[in-house]
């Protein structure tokens, strides 16, 4: 993945524990464009890399804006991001997206929990700019609404906002059962919230192809069973033990694979699959890619041997 050496042009706490940060080129200038729902992977010190949604408009951007929730019990990435000050240099990936608005959607239903509002802000801005039909359900802790005023001004009565879990359930049920055919749903937030939204949507009859999610904290994964990665180009077999990622097993065998986020969201460690059945646990691959590729950092194999193009 090509990276950019950018500087911090803005850093401000916009809600308790949430800091908005903007990156720009040291000498100004336009950055690579991107659709709404895109993210970048940022190096967060000591080898850590985290993915963050971009909130800025994507046409000829002169800065990349993100919002970072400080997680005191995390691995230190968010603390590092909160320590950045204007002028600091940061390594940032080019934008990638597996969460862009579907151009043929009749309506866009956005559901956000907490810091999951960041990609939804970009979706909402984009929908208003292009005159798309959009609706947002936003749940957050009291006093912790990021971008609340802007969203209210942007969406008006198309925004349903709450701090109450029971009320969120009612708003969600109303939203899921009151949409015209052809509506697409996008959800981002804590894992349990996304699991609930997807389960409720399925129960309400939403087809899977109209459900889209953005997950930046990896879902809890079981260690999986041992399998063998067969490297087609060299003819080598690499054993991938239970509890160890394919990426780590390949690196341990001296096989270099480009990687960035190690969370299954950036797409950098995607490799072609030639035989076998991948067990997908990423948030990046499209449905069309799932029979022909695997994400080495999180995914495994449903068969004893997985032949890959390495």
C-alpha atoms as a PDB file:
ATOM      1  CA  UNK A   1       0.000   0.000   0.000  1.00  0.00           C
ATOM      2  CA  UNK A   2       1.365   3.411  -0.925  1.00  0.00           C
ATOM      3  CA  UNK A   3       1.657   5.688   2.071  1.00  0.00           C
ATOM      4  CA  UNK A   4       1.800   9.453   2.415  1.00  0.00           C
ATOM      5  CA  UNK A   5       3.934  11.500   4.798  1.00  0.00           C
ATOM      6  CA  UNK A   6       1.451  14.103   6.029  1.00  0.00           C
ATOM      7  CA  UNK A   7       1.431  16.650   8.832  1.00  0.00           C
ATOM      8  CA  UNK A   8      -1.214  17.392  11.424  1.00  0.00           C
ATOM      9  CA  UNK A   9      -2.971  20.578  10.386  1.00  0.00           C
ATOM     10  CA  UNK A  10      -5.702  20.535  13.026  1.00  0.00           C
ATOM     11  CA  UNK A  11      -6.347  18.746  16.326  1.00  0.00           C
ATOM     12  CA  UNK A  12      -9.308  19.532  18.566  1.00  0.00           C
ATOM     13  CA  UNK A  13     -11.445  17.721  21.120  1.00  0.00           C
ATOM     14  CA  UNK A  14     -14.991  17.889  19.771  1.00  0.00           C
ATOM     15  CA  UNK A  15     -16.702  15.766  22.449  1.00  0.00           C
ATOM     16  CA  UNK A  16     -15.515  14.152  25.685  1.00  0.00           C
ATOM     17  CA  UNK A  17     -12.796  11.676  24.709  1.00  0.00           C
ATOM     18  CA  UNK A  18     -13.188  12.323  20.967  1.00  0.00           C
ATOM     19  CA  UNK A  19     -10.558  14.286  19.054  1.00  0.00           C
ATOM     20  CA  UNK A  20     -10.910  15.476  15.467  1.00  0.00           C
ATOM     21  CA  UNK A  21      -7.614  15.453  13.562  1.00  0.00           C
ATOM     22  CA  UNK A  22      -6.857  16.741  10.070  1.00  0.00           C
ATOM     23  CA  UNK A  23      -3.859  15.688   7.981  1.00  0.00           C
ATOM     24  CA  UNK A  24      -2.483  17.651   5.018  1.00  0.00           C
ATOM     25  CA  UNK A  25       0.544  17.729   2.778  1.00  0.00           C
ATOM     26  CA  UNK A  26       3.504  19.665   4.268  1.00  0.00           C
ATOM     27  CA  UNK A  27       3.443  22.091   1.330  1.00  0.00           C
ATOM     28  CA  UNK A  28      -0.308  22.030   0.787  1.00  0.00           C
ATOM     29  CA  UNK A  29      -1.792  20.588  -2.374  1.00  0.00           C
ATOM     30  CA  UNK A  30      -4.519  18.150  -3.297  1.00  0.00           C
ATOM     31  CA  UNK A  31      -4.615  14.658  -1.785  1.00  0.00           C
ATOM     32  CA  UNK A  32      -5.903  11.489  -3.511  1.00  0.00           C
ATOM     33  CA  UNK A  33      -9.670  11.606  -3.940  1.00  0.00           C
ATOM     34  CA  UNK A  34     -12.026   9.050  -2.411  1.00  0.00           C
ATOM     35  CA  UNK A  35     -15.739   8.189  -2.147  1.00  0.00           C
ATOM     36  CA  UNK A  36     -17.776   8.707   1.014  1.00  0.00           C
ATOM     37  CA  UNK A  37     -17.261   5.861   3.469  1.00  0.00           C
ATOM     38  CA  UNK A  38     -13.525   5.614   2.804  1.00  0.00           C
ATOM     39  CA  UNK A  39     -10.895   5.070   5.469  1.00  0.00           C
ATOM     40  CA  UNK A  40      -7.172   5.484   5.915  1.00  0.00           C
ATOM     41  CA  UNK A  41      -4.726   3.448   7.985  1.00  0.00           C
ATOM     42  CA  UNK A  42      -2.535   5.583  10.250  1.00  0.00           C
ATOM     43  CA  UNK A  43       0.724   4.568  11.899  1.00  0.00           C
ATOM     44  CA  UNK A  44       0.156   5.115  15.608  1.00  0.00           C
ATOM     45  CA  UNK A  45       3.628   4.617  17.071  1.00  0.00           C
ATOM     46  CA  UNK A  46       5.579   1.487  18.116  1.00  0.00           C
ATOM     47  CA  UNK A  47       4.459  -0.483  15.082  1.00  0.00           C
ATOM     48  CA  UNK A  48       0.745   0.057  15.713  1.00  0.00           C
ATOM     49  CA  UNK A  49      -1.570   0.846  12.806  1.00  0.00           C
ATOM     50  CA  UNK A  50      -5.239   1.740  13.083  1.00  0.00           C
ATOM     51  CA  UNK A  51      -7.909   2.355  10.446  1.00  0.00           C
ATOM     52  CA  UNK A  52     -10.025   5.518  10.692  1.00  0.00           C
ATOM     53  CA  UNK A  53     -12.978   6.704   8.625  1.00  0.00           C
ATOM     54  CA  UNK A  54     -12.617   9.917   6.664  1.00  0.00           C
ATOM     55  CA  UNK A  55     -15.256  12.565   7.313  1.00  0.00           C
ATOM     56  CA  UNK A  56     -14.123  15.149   4.746  1.00  0.00           C
ATOM     57  CA  UNK A  57     -15.552  15.513   1.225  1.00  0.00           C
ATOM     58  CA  UNK A  58     -13.631  13.262  -1.138  1.00  0.00           C
ATOM     59  CA  UNK A  59     -13.458  15.341  -4.319  1.00  0.00           C
ATOM     60  CA  UNK A  60     -10.013  16.977  -4.591  1.00  0.00           C
ATOM     61  CA  UNK A  61      -9.485  17.037  -0.817  1.00  0.00           C
ATOM     62  CA  UNK A  62      -6.728  19.202   0.638  1.00  0.00           C
ATOM     63  CA  UNK A  63      -6.942  17.417   3.971  1.00  0.00           C
ATOM     64  CA  UNK A  64      -8.025  14.105   5.445  1.00  0.00           C
ATOM     65  CA  UNK A  65     -10.178  14.468   8.567  1.00  0.00           C
ATOM     66  CA  UNK A  66     -10.802  11.736  11.111  1.00  0.00           C
ATOM     67  CA  UNK A  67     -12.244  11.554  14.630  1.00  0.00           C
ATOM     68  CA  UNK A  68     -10.572   9.328  17.228  1.00  0.00           C
ATOM     69  CA  UNK A  69     -12.137   7.979  20.414  1.00  0.00           C
ATOM     70  CA  UNK A  70      -9.621   7.649  23.248  1.00  0.00           C
ATOM     71  CA  UNK A  71      -9.698   4.087  24.539  1.00  0.00           C
ATOM     72  CA  UNK A  72      -7.832   3.991  27.893  1.00  0.00           C
ATOM     73  CA  UNK A  73      -7.946   0.186  27.910  1.00  0.00           C
ATOM     74  CA  UNK A  74      -6.760  -0.139  24.309  1.00  0.00           C
ATOM     75  CA  UNK A  75      -3.361  -1.026  22.855  1.00  0.00           C
ATOM     76  CA  UNK A  76      -2.142   2.569  22.866  1.00  0.00           C
ATOM     77  CA  UNK A  77      -3.016   3.638  19.335  1.00  0.00           C
ATOM     78  CA  UNK A  78      -5.783   6.025  20.331  1.00  0.00           C
ATOM     79  CA  UNK A  79      -3.634   7.528  23.091  1.00  0.00           C
ATOM     80  CA  UNK A  80      -0.915   8.186  20.521  1.00  0.00           C
ATOM     81  CA  UNK A  81      -3.404   9.840  18.188  1.00  0.00           C
ATOM     82  CA  UNK A  82      -4.693  12.066  20.992  1.00  0.00           C
ATOM     83  CA  UNK A  83      -1.115  13.146  21.729  1.00  0.00           C
ATOM     84  CA  UNK A  84      -0.541  14.462  18.191  1.00  0.00           C
ATOM     85  CA  UNK A  85      -0.144  18.192  17.824  1.00  0.00           C
ATOM     86  CA  UNK A  86      -0.260  20.558  14.862  1.00  0.00           C
ATOM     87  CA  UNK A  87       2.902  20.183  12.796  1.00  0.00           C
ATOM     88  CA  UNK A  88       3.614  16.554  13.730  1.00  0.00           C
ATOM     89  CA  UNK A  89       4.435  14.219  10.823  1.00  0.00           C
ATOM     90  CA  UNK A  90       2.316  11.090  10.413  1.00  0.00           C
ATOM     91  CA  UNK A  91       2.397   8.192   7.927  1.00  0.00           C
ATOM     92  CA  UNK A  92      -1.048   7.730   6.392  1.00  0.00           C
ATOM     93  CA  UNK A  93      -2.208   5.254   3.760  1.00  0.00           C
ATOM     94  CA  UNK A  94      -4.051   6.263   0.647  1.00  0.00           C
ATOM     95  CA  UNK A  95      -7.825   6.025   1.138  1.00  0.00           C
ATOM     96  CA  UNK A  96      -9.611   2.738   0.625  1.00  0.00           C
ATOM     97  CA  UNK A  97     -13.286   1.896   0.799  1.00  0.00           C
ATOM     98  CA  UNK A  98     -15.516  -1.120   1.096  1.00  0.00           C
ATOM     99  CA  UNK A  99     -18.324   1.038   2.511  1.00  0.00           C
ATOM    100  CA  UNK A 100     -19.198   3.480  -0.256  1.00  0.00           C
ATOM    101  CA  UNK A 101     -22.808   4.492  -0.955  1.00  0.00           C
ATOM    102  CA  UNK A 102     -24.539   2.175  -3.424  1.00  0.00           C
ATOM    103  CA  UNK A 103     -25.313   4.283  -6.467  1.00  0.00           C
ATOM    104  CA  UNK A 104     -28.488   2.376  -7.373  1.00  0.00           C
ATOM    105  CA  UNK A 105     -30.019   2.509  -3.866  1.00  0.00           C
ATOM    106  CA  UNK A 106     -33.497   4.013  -3.668  1.00  0.00           C
ATOM    107  CA  UNK A 107     -32.800   5.283  -0.152  1.00  0.00           C
ATOM    108  CA  UNK A 108     -29.836   5.173   2.255  1.00  0.00           C
ATOM    109  CA  UNK A 109     -30.584   4.227   5.869  1.00  0.00           C
ATOM    110  CA  UNK A 110     -27.629   5.002   8.139  1.00  0.00           C
ATOM    111  CA  UNK A 111     -27.326   3.587  11.662  1.00  0.00           C
ATOM    112  CA  UNK A 112     -24.472   4.741  13.913  1.00  0.00           C
ATOM    113  CA  UNK A 113     -23.431   4.052  17.479  1.00  0.00           C
ATOM    114  CA  UNK A 114     -20.876   6.238  19.274  1.00  0.00           C
ATOM    115  CA  UNK A 115     -17.731   6.885  17.266  1.00  0.00           C
ATOM    116  CA  UNK A 116     -19.321   4.897  14.440  1.00  0.00           C
ATOM    117  CA  UNK A 117     -20.816   8.220  13.398  1.00  0.00           C
ATOM    118  CA  UNK A 118     -17.628   9.126  11.501  1.00  0.00           C
ATOM    119  CA  UNK A 119     -18.294   7.281   8.207  1.00  0.00           C
ATOM    120  CA  UNK A 120     -21.981   8.207   8.493  1.00  0.00           C
ATOM    121  CA  UNK A 121     -21.110  11.904   8.567  1.00  0.00           C
ATOM    122  CA  UNK A 122     -19.360  11.471   5.220  1.00  0.00           C
ATOM    123  CA  UNK A 123     -22.339   9.487   3.887  1.00  0.00           C
ATOM    124  CA  UNK A 124     -24.790  12.138   5.076  1.00  0.00           C
ATOM    125  CA  UNK A 125     -22.772  15.013   3.609  1.00  0.00           C
ATOM    126  CA  UNK A 126     -22.479  13.160   0.303  1.00  0.00           C
ATOM    127  CA  UNK A 127     -26.183  12.308   0.185  1.00  0.00           C
ATOM    128  CA  UNK A 128     -27.235  15.904   0.809  1.00  0.00           C
ATOM    129  CA  UNK A 129     -24.747  17.207  -1.741  1.00  0.00           C
ATOM    130  CA  UNK A 130     -26.039  14.900  -4.468  1.00  0.00           C
ATOM    131  CA  UNK A 131     -29.712  14.982  -3.500  1.00  0.00           C
ATOM    132  CA  UNK A 132     -29.929  11.337  -2.399  1.00  0.00           C
ATOM    133  CA  UNK A 133     -32.703  10.173  -0.070  1.00  0.00           C
ATOM    134  CA  UNK A 134     -31.077   9.548   3.331  1.00  0.00           C
ATOM    135  CA  UNK A 135     -32.069   8.889   6.941  1.00  0.00           C
ATOM    136  CA  UNK A 136     -29.844   8.513  10.030  1.00  0.00           C
ATOM    137  CA  UNK A 137     -30.431   6.797  13.387  1.00  0.00           C
ATOM    138  CA  UNK A 138     -27.698   7.827  15.854  1.00  0.00           C
ATOM    139  CA  UNK A 139     -27.279   6.501  19.406  1.00  0.00           C
ATOM    140  CA  UNK A 140     -24.551   7.704  21.762  1.00  0.00           C
ATOM    141  CA  UNK A 141     -23.759   8.260  25.419  1.00  0.00           C
ATOM    142  CA  UNK A 142     -25.160  11.435  27.033  1.00  0.00           C
ATOM    143  CA  UNK A 143     -22.898  14.380  26.306  1.00  0.00           C
ATOM    144  CA  UNK A 144     -20.805  12.427  23.798  1.00  0.00           C
ATOM    145  CA  UNK A 145     -22.426  13.298  20.478  1.00  0.00           C
ATOM    146  CA  UNK A 146     -19.746  13.970  17.893  1.00  0.00           C
ATOM    147  CA  UNK A 147     -20.937  16.232  15.059  1.00  0.00           C
ATOM    148  CA  UNK A 148     -24.426  16.412  16.567  1.00  0.00           C
ATOM    149  CA  UNK A 149     -25.073  20.064  15.683  1.00  0.00           C
ATOM    150  CA  UNK A 150     -23.867  19.665  12.100  1.00  0.00           C
ATOM    151  CA  UNK A 151     -25.937  16.534  11.565  1.00  0.00           C
ATOM    152  CA  UNK A 152     -29.052  18.241  12.933  1.00  0.00           C
ATOM    153  CA  UNK A 153     -28.540  21.185  10.578  1.00  0.00           C
ATOM    154  CA  UNK A 154     -27.707  18.893   7.660  1.00  0.00           C
ATOM    155  CA  UNK A 155     -30.527  16.363   8.007  1.00  0.00           C
ATOM    156  CA  UNK A 156     -33.281  18.046  10.001  1.00  0.00           C
ATOM    157  CA  UNK A 157     -36.125  15.600  10.638  1.00  0.00           C
ATOM    158  CA  UNK A 158     -34.215  12.893   8.753  1.00  0.00           C
ATOM    159  CA  UNK A 159     -32.050  12.512  11.874  1.00  0.00           C
ATOM    160  CA  UNK A 160     -33.293  10.373  14.786  1.00  0.00           C
ATOM    161  CA  UNK A 161     -30.894  10.825  17.716  1.00  0.00           C
ATOM    162  CA  UNK A 162     -31.041   9.242  21.175  1.00  0.00           C
ATOM    163  CA  UNK A 163     -28.998   8.399  24.248  1.00  0.00           C
ATOM    164  CA  UNK A 164     -31.457   5.769  25.489  1.00  0.00           C
ATOM    165  CA  UNK A 165     -31.053   2.105  24.566  1.00  0.00           C
ATOM    166  CA  UNK A 166     -34.768   1.319  24.699  1.00  0.00           C
ATOM    167  CA  UNK A 167     -35.609   4.322  22.549  1.00  0.00           C
ATOM    168  CA  UNK A 168     -32.906   3.283  20.104  1.00  0.00           C
ATOM    169  CA  UNK A 169     -34.629  -0.095  19.801  1.00  0.00           C
ATOM    170  CA  UNK A 170     -37.912   1.613  18.954  1.00  0.00           C
ATOM    171  CA  UNK A 171     -36.279   3.961  16.456  1.00  0.00           C
ATOM    172  CA  UNK A 172     -34.442   1.075  14.844  1.00  0.00           C
ATOM    173  CA  UNK A 173     -37.583  -1.036  14.540  1.00  0.00           C
ATOM    174  CA  UNK A 174     -39.446   1.865  12.956  1.00  0.00           C
ATOM    175  CA  UNK A 175     -36.616   2.538  10.535  1.00  0.00           C
ATOM    176  CA  UNK A 176     -36.192  -1.104   9.519  1.00  0.00           C
ATOM    177  CA  UNK A 177     -39.881  -1.710   8.882  1.00  0.00           C
ATOM    178  CA  UNK A 178     -40.734   1.593   7.206  1.00  0.00           C
ATOM    179  CA  UNK A 179     -38.406   1.675   4.208  1.00  0.00           C
ATOM    180  CA  UNK A 180     -39.310   1.400   0.521  1.00  0.00           C
ATOM    181  CA  UNK A 181     -38.011  -1.545  -1.472  1.00  0.00           C
ATOM    182  CA  UNK A 182     -34.536  -0.777  -2.732  1.00  0.00           C
ATOM    183  CA  UNK A 183     -33.285   0.887   0.467  1.00  0.00           C
ATOM    184  CA  UNK A 184     -29.736   0.017   1.531  1.00  0.00           C
ATOM    185  CA  UNK A 185     -28.663  -0.031   5.181  1.00  0.00           C
ATOM    186  CA  UNK A 186     -25.234   1.021   6.458  1.00  0.00           C
ATOM    187  CA  UNK A 187     -24.185   0.447  10.071  1.00  0.00           C
ATOM    188  CA  UNK A 188     -21.082   1.322  12.071  1.00  0.00           C
ATOM    189  CA  UNK A 189     -20.445   1.273  15.810  1.00  0.00           C
ATOM    190  CA  UNK A 190     -19.590  -1.100  18.639  1.00  0.00           C
ATOM    191  CA  UNK A 191     -19.684  -4.785  17.746  1.00  0.00           C
ATOM    192  CA  UNK A 192     -22.782  -5.665  19.807  1.00  0.00           C
ATOM    193  CA  UNK A 193     -24.722  -2.782  18.270  1.00  0.00           C
ATOM    194  CA  UNK A 194     -23.829  -3.825  14.735  1.00  0.00           C
ATOM    195  CA  UNK A 195     -24.684  -7.455  15.479  1.00  0.00           C
ATOM    196  CA  UNK A 196     -28.070  -6.333  16.819  1.00  0.00           C
ATOM    197  CA  UNK A 197     -28.828  -4.114  13.819  1.00  0.00           C
ATOM    198  CA  UNK A 198     -27.900  -6.833  11.335  1.00  0.00           C
ATOM    199  CA  UNK A 199     -29.908  -9.470  13.231  1.00  0.00           C
ATOM    200  CA  UNK A 200     -32.959  -7.196  13.467  1.00  0.00           C
ATOM    201  CA  UNK A 201     -32.663  -6.313   9.784  1.00  0.00           C
ATOM    202  CA  UNK A 202     -32.498  -9.985   8.816  1.00  0.00           C
ATOM    203  CA  UNK A 203     -35.527 -10.716  10.999  1.00  0.00           C
ATOM    204  CA  UNK A 204     -37.374  -7.866   9.276  1.00  0.00           C
ATOM    205  CA  UNK A 205     -36.702  -9.453   5.893  1.00  0.00           C
ATOM    206  CA  UNK A 206     -33.823  -7.350   4.606  1.00  0.00           C
ATOM    207  CA  UNK A 207     -31.785  -9.269   1.988  1.00  0.00           C
ATOM    208  CA  UNK A 208     -28.062  -9.582   2.810  1.00  0.00           C
ATOM    209  CA  UNK A 209     -27.001  -7.686  -0.313  1.00  0.00           C
ATOM    210  CA  UNK A 210     -28.639  -4.529   1.053  1.00  0.00           C
ATOM    211  CA  UNK A 211     -26.774  -4.640   4.392  1.00  0.00           C
ATOM    212  CA  UNK A 212     -23.384  -2.939   4.712  1.00  0.00           C
ATOM    213  CA  UNK A 213     -21.149  -2.567   7.763  1.00  0.00           C
ATOM    214  CA  UNK A 214     -17.880  -0.939   8.762  1.00  0.00           C
ATOM    215  CA  UNK A 215     -16.001  -2.636  11.605  1.00  0.00           C
ATOM    216  CA  UNK A 216     -12.658  -1.178  12.751  1.00  0.00           C
ATOM    217  CA  UNK A 217     -12.303  -3.114  15.981  1.00  0.00           C
ATOM    218  CA  UNK A 218     -11.898  -6.756  14.936  1.00  0.00           C
ATOM    219  CA  UNK A 219     -14.689  -9.048  15.968  1.00  0.00           C
ATOM    220  CA  UNK A 220     -13.753 -11.646  18.562  1.00  0.00           C
ATOM    221  CA  UNK A 221     -12.432 -14.565  16.535  1.00  0.00           C
ATOM    222  CA  UNK A 222     -12.058 -18.174  17.593  1.00  0.00           C
ATOM    223  CA  UNK A 223      -8.556 -19.590  17.059  1.00  0.00           C
ATOM    224  CA  UNK A 224      -9.726 -21.818  14.204  1.00  0.00           C
ATOM    225  CA  UNK A 225      -8.347 -25.199  13.264  1.00  0.00           C
ATOM    226  CA  UNK A 226      -4.904 -25.863  11.839  1.00  0.00           C
ATOM    227  CA  UNK A 227      -4.554 -25.869   8.059  1.00  0.00           C
ATOM    228  CA  UNK A 228      -1.818 -25.897   5.418  1.00  0.00           C
ATOM    229  CA  UNK A 229      -1.154 -22.980   3.078  1.00  0.00           C
ATOM    230  CA  UNK A 230       0.217 -24.330  -0.203  1.00  0.00           C
ATOM    231  CA  UNK A 231       2.295 -21.727  -2.024  1.00  0.00           C
ATOM    232  CA  UNK A 232       1.711 -22.292  -5.730  1.00  0.00           C
ATOM    233  CA  UNK A 233       4.761 -20.454  -7.045  1.00  0.00           C
ATOM    234  CA  UNK A 234       7.348 -22.184  -4.854  1.00  0.00           C
ATOM    235  CA  UNK A 235       5.537 -25.444  -4.128  1.00  0.00           C
ATOM    236  CA  UNK A 236       6.123 -24.966  -0.392  1.00  0.00           C
ATOM    237  CA  UNK A 237       3.663 -25.937   2.316  1.00  0.00           C
ATOM    238  CA  UNK A 238       3.317 -23.646   5.343  1.00  0.00           C
ATOM    239  CA  UNK A 239       1.476 -24.970   8.393  1.00  0.00           C
ATOM    240  CA  UNK A 240      -0.883 -22.411   9.965  1.00  0.00           C
ATOM    241  CA  UNK A 241      -1.504 -23.552  13.567  1.00  0.00           C
ATOM    242  CA  UNK A 242      -4.687 -22.881  15.474  1.00  0.00           C
ATOM    243  CA  UNK A 243      -4.566 -19.411  17.003  1.00  0.00           C
ATOM    244  CA  UNK A 244      -1.970 -18.069  14.542  1.00  0.00           C
ATOM    245  CA  UNK A 245      -2.855 -15.956  11.525  1.00  0.00           C
ATOM    246  CA  UNK A 246      -1.969 -16.956   7.986  1.00  0.00           C
ATOM    247  CA  UNK A 247      -0.040 -13.702   7.727  1.00  0.00           C
ATOM    248  CA  UNK A 248       2.118 -14.476  10.763  1.00  0.00           C
ATOM    249  CA  UNK A 249       2.709 -18.051   9.603  1.00  0.00           C
ATOM    250  CA  UNK A 250       3.853 -16.820   6.181  1.00  0.00           C
ATOM    251  CA  UNK A 251       6.160 -14.222   7.699  1.00  0.00           C
ATOM    252  CA  UNK A 252       7.554 -16.863  10.057  1.00  0.00           C
ATOM    253  CA  UNK A 253       8.391 -18.993   7.023  1.00  0.00           C
ATOM    254  CA  UNK A 254      10.208 -16.079   5.390  1.00  0.00           C
ATOM    255  CA  UNK A 255       7.429 -15.224   2.925  1.00  0.00           C
ATOM    256  CA  UNK A 256       6.876 -11.465   2.760  1.00  0.00           C
ATOM    257  CA  UNK A 257       3.272 -10.304   2.337  1.00  0.00           C
ATOM    258  CA  UNK A 258       2.437  -6.576   2.258  1.00  0.00           C
ATOM    259  CA  UNK A 259       0.228  -5.646   5.191  1.00  0.00           C
ATOM    260  CA  UNK A 260      -0.977  -2.591   7.045  1.00  0.00           C
ATOM    261  CA  UNK A 261      -3.932  -2.725   9.445  1.00  0.00           C
ATOM    262  CA  UNK A 262      -3.888  -6.419  10.519  1.00  0.00           C
ATOM    263  CA  UNK A 263      -7.613  -6.021  11.204  1.00  0.00           C
ATOM    264  CA  UNK A 264      -9.130  -7.209   7.943  1.00  0.00           C
ATOM    265  CA  UNK A 265     -10.243  -3.776   6.803  1.00  0.00           C
ATOM    266  CA  UNK A 266      -7.540  -2.196   4.633  1.00  0.00           C
ATOM    267  CA  UNK A 267      -7.141  -4.848   1.908  1.00  0.00           C
ATOM    268  CA  UNK A 268      -3.356  -4.684   1.814  1.00  0.00           C
ATOM    269  CA  UNK A 269      -2.705  -8.378   2.567  1.00  0.00           C
ATOM    270  CA  UNK A 270      -5.189  -9.756   0.041  1.00  0.00           C
ATOM    271  CA  UNK A 271      -3.798 -12.707  -1.945  1.00  0.00           C
ATOM    272  CA  UNK A 272      -5.416 -14.801  -4.701  1.00  0.00           C
ATOM    273  CA  UNK A 273      -6.780 -18.256  -3.822  1.00  0.00           C
ATOM    274  CA  UNK A 274      -6.285 -21.028  -6.386  1.00  0.00           C
ATOM    275  CA  UNK A 275      -7.805 -24.010  -4.564  1.00  0.00           C
ATOM    276  CA  UNK A 276      -9.548 -24.750  -1.284  1.00  0.00           C
ATOM    277  CA  UNK A 277     -12.275 -22.876   0.575  1.00  0.00           C
ATOM    278  CA  UNK A 278     -11.336 -19.699   2.458  1.00  0.00           C
ATOM    279  CA  UNK A 279     -12.993 -18.998   5.798  1.00  0.00           C
ATOM    280  CA  UNK A 280     -13.553 -15.255   5.522  1.00  0.00           C
ATOM    281  CA  UNK A 281     -13.442 -13.099   8.649  1.00  0.00           C
ATOM    282  CA  UNK A 282     -12.588  -9.734   7.102  1.00  0.00           C
ATOM    283  CA  UNK A 283     -14.603  -6.589   6.408  1.00  0.00           C
ATOM    284  CA  UNK A 284     -12.975  -5.772   3.071  1.00  0.00           C
ATOM    285  CA  UNK A 285     -13.586  -8.344   0.345  1.00  0.00           C
ATOM    286  CA  UNK A 286     -16.619  -7.963  -1.875  1.00  0.00           C
ATOM    287  CA  UNK A 287     -18.957 -10.886  -2.458  1.00  0.00           C
ATOM    288  CA  UNK A 288     -17.471 -11.308  -5.922  1.00  0.00           C
ATOM    289  CA  UNK A 289     -13.951 -11.658  -4.482  1.00  0.00           C
ATOM    290  CA  UNK A 290     -14.688 -14.153  -1.732  1.00  0.00           C
ATOM    291  CA  UNK A 291     -14.218 -17.269  -3.850  1.00  0.00           C
ATOM    292  CA  UNK A 292     -10.934 -16.084  -5.361  1.00  0.00           C
ATOM    293  CA  UNK A 293      -9.068 -14.217  -2.593  1.00  0.00           C
ATOM    294  CA  UNK A 294      -8.285 -14.272   1.097  1.00  0.00           C
ATOM    295  CA  UNK A 295      -7.180 -11.675   3.653  1.00  0.00           C
ATOM    296  CA  UNK A 296      -4.083 -13.165   5.284  1.00  0.00           C
ATOM    297  CA  UNK A 297      -4.315 -11.159   8.511  1.00  0.00           C
ATOM    298  CA  UNK A 298      -7.637 -12.533   9.799  1.00  0.00           C
ATOM    299  CA  UNK A 299      -9.090 -15.197   7.516  1.00  0.00           C
ATOM    300  CA  UNK A 300      -8.450 -18.947   7.620  1.00  0.00           C
ATOM    301  CA  UNK A 301      -9.484 -22.038   5.653  1.00  0.00           C
ATOM    302  CA  UNK A 302     -12.477 -24.338   5.746  1.00  0.00           C
ATOM    303  CA  UNK A 303     -10.412 -27.044   4.021  1.00  0.00           C
ATOM    304  CA  UNK A 304      -7.284 -28.780   5.228  1.00  0.00           C
ATOM    305  CA  UNK A 305      -5.244 -27.159   2.460  1.00  0.00           C
ATOM    306  CA  UNK A 306      -5.594 -23.699   0.945  1.00  0.00           C
ATOM    307  CA  UNK A 307      -3.586 -23.070  -2.211  1.00  0.00           C
ATOM    308  CA  UNK A 308      -2.625 -19.431  -2.677  1.00  0.00           C
ATOM    309  CA  UNK A 309      -0.813 -17.546  -5.405  1.00  0.00           C
ATOM    310  CA  UNK A 310       2.458 -16.880  -3.602  1.00  0.00           C
END
